[in-house]
Amino acid sequence: MQKNKEIVMSGIRPTGLLHLGSYFGAVRNYVKMQEEYECFFMVADLHSLTTHPDTKELKANVHRVLAENIACGVDPDKAAFYCQSHVQETGELYLYLNMLAYKGELEKTTTFKEKARSQPDNINAGLLTYPVLQTADIILHRASLVPVGKDQEQHLEMARNFVNRFNHRYGEVFPEPKAVNYGSELVKVPSLDGKGKMSKSENQYATIYLSDDDELIRKKVMKAKTDAGPTETNAAKPDYIDNIFLLMKLVSNDETLQKFETDYNNCSIRYGDMKKQLGEDMVKFITPIRQKAENILNDEKYLQEVMEKGAEKARRSAKATMELVREAIGLNYF
């Protein structure tokens, strides 16, 4: 890796299967960014402990996150792809940053307030200080660029606050992390039920997972919400119809998309035919990823090598950062 490349850091929670929204919203950008930047992609296993996952389930989820991201094109030879818990310096930096974080500001974060409101008896210190650990993850590699979605913008702003406090108190050690959106606009993959975007928490039949088999993909797409069709030429599309066209734009070729656009505009569209075509195009897109991911999952030796190689890169970077941090704080006594 060239030393003059800007550093990108992004974390992936091992809380379930990747879906089309994950791919087009994040993973596809990772694949592009690893060619241009020095990238650290972290499986955020420590973050997942705030919800006390089953230990066997956590292991399986970590393996799947690694396998599916690699199957999508993340290259362990180009990016440091590692587990958060394998870099002990993370915990040390997290401790130092906690001395610069205040209870009042942590309680004001949207995610904490939502959790406190919905599960008031299940609030732990890890959840409260989640943004502090997130900041440690980012600045441990002195990253200046962080790919974030709308739901993480507040946490990135807090990370900037913690960085500025540290630099003001101890001297300029860390660059201020900035949000990066690789491309002209954020891609939001719509849900098949016409409500919002695809996600792990929504209706499972409205989300296409990269692990779904061919028949399940076809079945889900055929259940997508439609109506009787337009009654006027060149009519505006309802949101749930526009969503189907957006999905087709992601996985189908231009000729196919244009055919159904024309059919819609002249009121001759048959949604059954459109969904059948979309289902086949989804299958064609997802099947190679699913098969490659399954092959990787069946090769535990390879997964272990990926983890160890990524951790070695991350530890090397973290060690250099923490030498600067300890020197700045005054913890080197000789």
Foldseek 3Di string as FASTA:
>chain_A
DDPPFAEEEEEDELPDFAFPQCVQQPLVVLQVVLVRGAYEYEHELVLVCLVPDDPVSSVVSVLLVVLLSVLSRNDLVRYLYAYPVLAVLLVVQLVVLVVVDDQVVLCPQPVNVVCCVVPVPSDDVCSSSVLSSVLSSQCLLLHQEYADDPSCPVSLVVSQVSQVVLCVQQNNQHHRHDYDDPDDDGDFQCFLQLPGGADPPDDPLRTGGLQDALVSLLVSLLPRDDDPADPAAPDDDDSSVVNLLSLCVVQPDPVLSVVQVNCRRVGNHDVNVSSNVSSVSVNVVRVSSNVSSVVSSVCVVVVVVSHVSSSVVSNVSSVVSVVVVCVRVVVDPD
